[in-house]
Amino acid sequence: MKTGFVYILSNKNRTVLYIGATGDLKKRIELHVLGKATVFTKKYSVNELLYFEEFQDYHDAFLREKQLKNWRKEWKWHLIELKNPELKNLYLEL
């Protein structure tokens, strides 16, 4: 089984959220930082990792991504703040 991650990114001003799933978190975030991941994240400079979860099975990460995408924005912020109350860029600690 391939491990997986679900992650939440934001921009510097914390006005936009982006949720994704990947098998290689560090490599995927590097693509976002370089502006090579998605048109949306490049357009809105969404490249700061605020939250992530690790799963033993990539399929579970994919399902969690779909679940989080259906959440209200306030719920997403609450989830982020539970794990990362200072809203630090966690990519710098990977």
N, C-alpha and C. Protein backbone atom coordinates (compact mmCIF):
# COMPACT_ATOMS: atom_id res chain seq x y z
N MET A 1 0.82 -1.19 0.00
CA MET A 1 0.00 0.00 0.00
C MET A 1 0.87 1.26 0.00
N LYS A 2 0.44 2.21 -0.75
CA LYS A 2 1.15 3.49 -0.82
C LYS A 2 0.56 4.45 0.19
N THR A 3 1.43 5.08 0.98
CA THR A 3 0.95 6.08 1.94
C THR A 3 0.47 7.32 1.20
N GLY A 4 -0.33 8.11 1.89
CA GLY A 4 -0.84 9.32 1.27
C GLY A 4 -0.98 10.43 2.29
N PHE A 5 -1.13 11.62 1.77
CA PHE A 5 -1.29 12.81 2.60
C PHE A 5 -2.43 13.65 2.05
N VAL A 6 -3.16 14.28 2.94
CA VAL A 6 -4.07 15.34 2.55
C VAL A 6 -3.49 16.60 3.17
N TYR A 7 -3.56 17.71 2.46
CA TYR A 7 -2.92 18.94 2.92
C TYR A 7 -3.78 20.15 2.61
N ILE A 8 -3.55 21.20 3.40
CA ILE A 8 -4.24 22.47 3.18
C ILE A 8 -3.19 23.56 3.06
N LEU A 9 -3.29 24.31 1.98
CA LEU A 9 -2.39 25.44 1.72
C LEU A 9 -3.17 26.74 1.82
N SER A 10 -2.44 27.82 2.03
CA SER A 10 -3.03 29.15 1.99
C SER A 10 -2.02 30.12 1.40
N ASN A 11 -2.48 31.32 1.14
CA ASN A 11 -1.58 32.37 0.66
C ASN A 11 -1.01 33.12 1.85
N LYS A 12 -0.14 34.05 1.61
CA LYS A 12 0.53 34.80 2.68
C LYS A 12 -0.47 35.57 3.54
N ASN A 13 -1.53 36.10 2.93
CA ASN A 13 -2.52 36.89 3.67
C ASN A 13 -3.61 36.05 4.32
N ARG A 14 -3.54 34.73 4.12
CA ARG A 14 -4.50 33.79 4.70
C ARG A 14 -5.94 34.07 4.26
N THR A 15 -6.10 34.41 2.99
CA THR A 15 -7.44 34.69 2.46
C THR A 15 -7.97 33.59 1.56
N VAL A 16 -7.11 32.66 1.14
CA VAL A 16 -7.50 31.60 0.23
C VAL A 16 -7.02 30.27 0.80
N LEU A 17 -7.86 29.23 0.67
CA LEU A 17 -7.46 27.88 1.07
C LEU A 17 -7.49 26.96 -0.13
N TYR A 18 -6.57 26.01 -0.15
CA TYR A 18 -6.51 24.99 -1.20
C TYR A 18 -6.29 23.65 -0.51
N ILE A 19 -7.07 22.65 -0.89
CA ILE A 19 -6.94 21.31 -0.32
C ILE A 19 -6.53 20.35 -1.41
N GLY A 20 -5.55 19.50 -1.10
CA GLY A 20 -5.08 18.52 -2.06
C GLY A 20 -4.69 17.22 -1.38
N ALA A 21 -4.43 16.20 -2.19
CA ALA A 21 -3.97 14.91 -1.70
C ALA A 21 -2.79 14.49 -2.56
N THR A 22 -1.83 13.79 -1.95
CA THR A 22 -0.63 13.39 -2.66
C THR A 22 0.01 12.18 -1.99
N GLY A 23 0.88 11.52 -2.71
CA GLY A 23 1.65 10.42 -2.15
C GLY A 23 2.99 10.89 -1.63
N ASP A 24 3.45 12.05 -2.06
CA ASP A 24 4.75 12.59 -1.65
C ASP A 24 4.56 14.06 -1.27
N LEU A 25 4.36 14.31 0.01
CA LEU A 25 4.00 15.65 0.47
C LEU A 25 5.08 16.69 0.16
N LYS A 26 6.31 16.38 0.49
CA LYS A 26 7.39 17.37 0.31
C LYS A 26 7.54 17.75 -1.17
N LYS A 27 7.52 16.77 -2.03
CA LYS A 27 7.68 17.03 -3.47
C LYS A 27 6.50 17.85 -4.01
N ARG A 28 5.29 17.50 -3.56
CA ARG A 28 4.11 18.22 -4.04
C ARG A 28 4.10 19.68 -3.59
N ILE A 29 4.49 19.92 -2.34
CA ILE A 29 4.53 21.30 -1.85
C ILE A 29 5.61 22.09 -2.59
N GLU A 30 6.72 21.45 -2.89
CA GLU A 30 7.77 22.11 -3.67
C GLU A 30 7.23 22.57 -5.01
N LEU A 31 6.39 21.75 -5.64
CA LEU A 31 5.78 22.14 -6.92
C LEU A 31 4.88 23.37 -6.74
N HIS A 32 4.13 23.40 -5.64
CA HIS A 32 3.28 24.57 -5.36
C HIS A 32 4.14 25.81 -5.16
N VAL A 33 5.22 25.68 -4.40
CA VAL A 33 6.11 26.82 -4.13
C VAL A 33 6.71 27.36 -5.43
N LEU A 34 7.05 26.45 -6.35
CA LEU A 34 7.64 26.84 -7.62
C LEU A 34 6.60 27.31 -8.64
N GLY A 35 5.31 27.20 -8.29
CA GLY A 35 4.24 27.62 -9.20
C GLY A 35 3.99 26.63 -10.32
N LYS A 36 4.35 25.36 -10.09
CA LYS A 36 4.22 24.34 -11.14
C LYS A 36 3.16 23.28 -10.81
N ALA A 37 2.37 23.49 -9.77
CA ALA A 37 1.41 22.46 -9.36
C ALA A 37 0.06 22.63 -10.04
N THR A 38 -0.62 23.74 -9.77
CA THR A 38 -1.93 23.99 -10.38
C THR A 38 -2.02 25.45 -10.79
N VAL A 39 -2.88 25.71 -11.74
CA VAL A 39 -3.10 27.09 -12.20
C VAL A 39 -3.66 27.93 -11.05
N PHE A 40 -4.58 27.35 -10.28
CA PHE A 40 -5.20 28.08 -9.17
C PHE A 40 -4.17 28.52 -8.14
N THR A 41 -3.34 27.59 -7.69
CA THR A 41 -2.36 27.94 -6.64
C THR A 41 -1.32 28.92 -7.15
N LYS A 42 -0.99 28.83 -8.43
CA LYS A 42 -0.04 29.79 -9.00
C LYS A 42 -0.69 31.18 -9.09
N LYS A 43 -1.91 31.23 -9.59
CA LYS A 43 -2.61 32.50 -9.78
C LYS A 43 -2.78 33.26 -8.47
N TYR A 44 -3.11 32.54 -7.38
CA TYR A 44 -3.40 33.19 -6.10
C TYR A 44 -2.25 33.06 -5.10
N SER A 45 -1.09 32.64 -5.55
CA SER A 45 0.11 32.49 -4.69
C SER A 45 -0.19 31.67 -3.43
N VAL A 46 -0.87 30.56 -3.64
CA VAL A 46 -1.23 29.67 -2.54
C VAL A 46 -0.14 28.62 -2.43
N ASN A 47 0.81 28.84 -1.50
CA ASN A 47 1.94 27.92 -1.42
C ASN A 47 2.48 27.73 0.00
N GLU A 48 1.69 28.09 1.01
CA GLU A 48 2.13 27.91 2.39
C GLU A 48 1.34 26.77 3.03
N LEU A 49 2.03 25.76 3.47
CA LEU A 49 1.43 24.57 4.07
C LEU A 49 1.01 24.87 5.52
N LEU A 50 -0.31 24.82 5.76
CA LEU A 50 -0.82 25.10 7.10
C LEU A 50 -1.26 23.85 7.84
N TYR A 51 -1.56 22.79 7.10
CA TYR A 51 -2.13 21.59 7.73
C TYR A 51 -1.88 20.38 6.83
N PHE A 52 -1.65 19.23 7.46
CA PHE A 52 -1.61 17.99 6.71
C PHE A 52 -1.93 16.81 7.62
N GLU A 53 -2.41 15.74 7.00
CA GLU A 53 -2.67 14.47 7.68
C GLU A 53 -2.01 13.38 6.86
N GLU A 54 -1.46 12.37 7.53
CA GLU A 54 -0.84 11.24 6.84
C GLU A 54 -1.73 10.01 6.98
N PHE A 55 -1.82 9.23 5.91
CA PHE A 55 -2.63 8.02 5.88
C PHE A 55 -1.78 6.85 5.39
N GLN A 56 -2.06 5.67 5.91
CA GLN A 56 -1.33 4.48 5.48
C GLN A 56 -1.71 4.06 4.07
N ASP A 57 -2.88 4.46 3.63
CA ASP A 57 -3.38 4.12 2.30
C ASP A 57 -3.75 5.41 1.56
N TYR A 58 -3.19 5.59 0.37
CA TYR A 58 -3.46 6.80 -0.41
C TYR A 58 -4.96 6.99 -0.65
N HIS A 59 -5.68 5.90 -0.82
CA HIS A 59 -7.12 6.00 -1.07
C HIS A 59 -7.83 6.72 0.08
N ASP A 60 -7.41 6.46 1.32
CA ASP A 60 -8.00 7.14 2.47
C ASP A 60 -7.71 8.64 2.44
N ALA A 61 -6.51 9.01 2.00
CA ALA A 61 -6.17 10.44 1.87
C ALA A 61 -7.06 11.09 0.82
N PHE A 62 -7.29 10.40 -0.28
CA PHE A 62 -8.14 10.91 -1.35
C PHE A 62 -9.57 11.12 -0.84
N LEU A 63 -10.08 10.16 -0.06
CA LEU A 63 -11.44 10.30 0.50
C LEU A 63 -11.51 11.46 1.48
N ARG A 64 -10.47 11.63 2.29
CA ARG A 64 -10.44 12.74 3.25
C ARG A 64 -10.40 14.09 2.52
N GLU A 65 -9.65 14.13 1.40
CA GLU A 65 -9.60 15.36 0.59
C GLU A 65 -11.01 15.73 0.14
N LYS A 66 -11.74 14.77 -0.37
CA LYS A 66 -13.10 15.04 -0.85
C LYS A 66 -14.00 15.50 0.29
N GLN A 67 -13.83 14.89 1.47
CA GLN A 67 -14.61 15.29 2.63
C GLN A 67 -14.33 16.74 3.02
N LEU A 68 -13.05 17.08 3.12
CA LEU A 68 -12.67 18.43 3.53
C LEU A 68 -13.11 19.49 2.52
N LYS A 69 -13.08 19.14 1.25
CA LYS A 69 -13.50 20.10 0.23
C LYS A 69 -14.98 20.46 0.37
N ASN A 70 -15.76 19.59 0.99
CA ASN A 70 -17.19 19.86 1.19
C ASN A 70 -17.48 20.60 2.48
N TRP A 71 -16.48 20.81 3.31
CA TRP A 71 -16.66 21.52 4.57
C TRP A 71 -16.80 23.03 4.32
N ARG A 72 -17.45 23.69 5.27
CA ARG A 72 -17.50 25.15 5.27
C ARG A 72 -16.11 25.70 5.57
N LYS A 73 -15.85 26.89 5.10
CA LYS A 73 -14.53 27.51 5.30
C LYS A 73 -14.20 27.66 6.78
N GLU A 74 -15.20 28.00 7.60
CA GLU A 74 -14.96 28.15 9.04
C GLU A 74 -14.50 26.84 9.67
N TRP A 75 -15.07 25.72 9.24
CA TRP A 75 -14.70 24.42 9.77
C TRP A 75 -13.25 24.10 9.41
N LYS A 76 -12.87 24.44 8.18
CA LYS A 76 -11.50 24.20 7.73
C LYS A 76 -10.52 25.01 8.57
N TRP A 77 -10.84 26.27 8.82
CA TRP A 77 -9.97 27.11 9.62
C TRP A 77 -9.86 26.58 11.05
N HIS A 78 -10.96 26.10 11.59
CA HIS A 78 -10.93 25.53 12.94
C HIS A 78 -10.02 24.31 12.98
N LEU A 79 -10.11 23.44 12.00
CA LEU A 79 -9.25 22.26 11.91
C LEU A 79 -7.78 22.67 11.84
N ILE A 80 -7.47 23.65 11.02
CA ILE A 80 -6.10 24.13 10.88
C ILE A 80 -5.59 24.68 12.21
N GLU A 81 -6.41 25.50 12.85
CA GLU A 81 -5.98 26.16 14.09
C GLU A 81 -5.82 25.19 15.26
N LEU A 82 -6.51 24.04 15.22
CA LEU A 82 -6.32 23.03 16.26
C LEU A 82 -4.90 22.46 16.23
N LYS A 83 -4.40 22.22 15.04
CA LYS A 83 -3.07 21.63 14.88
C LYS A 83 -1.97 22.68 14.76
N ASN A 84 -2.30 23.83 14.22
CA ASN A 84 -1.31 24.86 13.92
C ASN A 84 -1.85 26.24 14.34
N PRO A 85 -1.98 26.49 15.66
CA PRO A 85 -2.61 27.74 16.13
C PRO A 85 -1.88 29.01 15.70
N GLU A 86 -0.59 28.91 15.44
CA GLU A 86 0.17 30.10 15.02
C GLU A 86 0.13 30.30 13.51
N LEU A 87 -0.52 29.39 12.80
CA LEU A 87 -0.62 29.43 11.33
C LEU A 87 0.76 29.54 10.69
N LYS A 88 1.71 28.77 11.20
CA LYS A 88 3.05 28.73 10.64
C LYS A 88 3.06 27.95 9.34
N ASN A 89 3.99 28.25 8.48
CA ASN A 89 4.18 27.49 7.26
C ASN A 89 4.91 26.19 7.61
N LEU A 90 4.19 25.10 7.66
CA LEU A 90 4.74 23.81 8.10
C LEU A 90 5.73 23.24 7.10
N TYR A 91 5.70 23.70 5.88
CA TYR A 91 6.65 23.22 4.87
C TYR A 91 8.08 23.49 5.31
N LEU A 92 8.30 24.57 6.02
CA LEU A 92 9.64 24.94 6.46
C LEU A 92 10.18 23.95 7.49
N GLU A 93 9.29 23.14 8.08
CA GLU A 93 9.69 22.17 9.10
C GLU A 93 9.74 20.73 8.57
N LEU A 94 9.40 20.52 7.31
CA LEU A 94 9.42 19.16 6.75
C LEU A 94 10.84 18.65 6.59
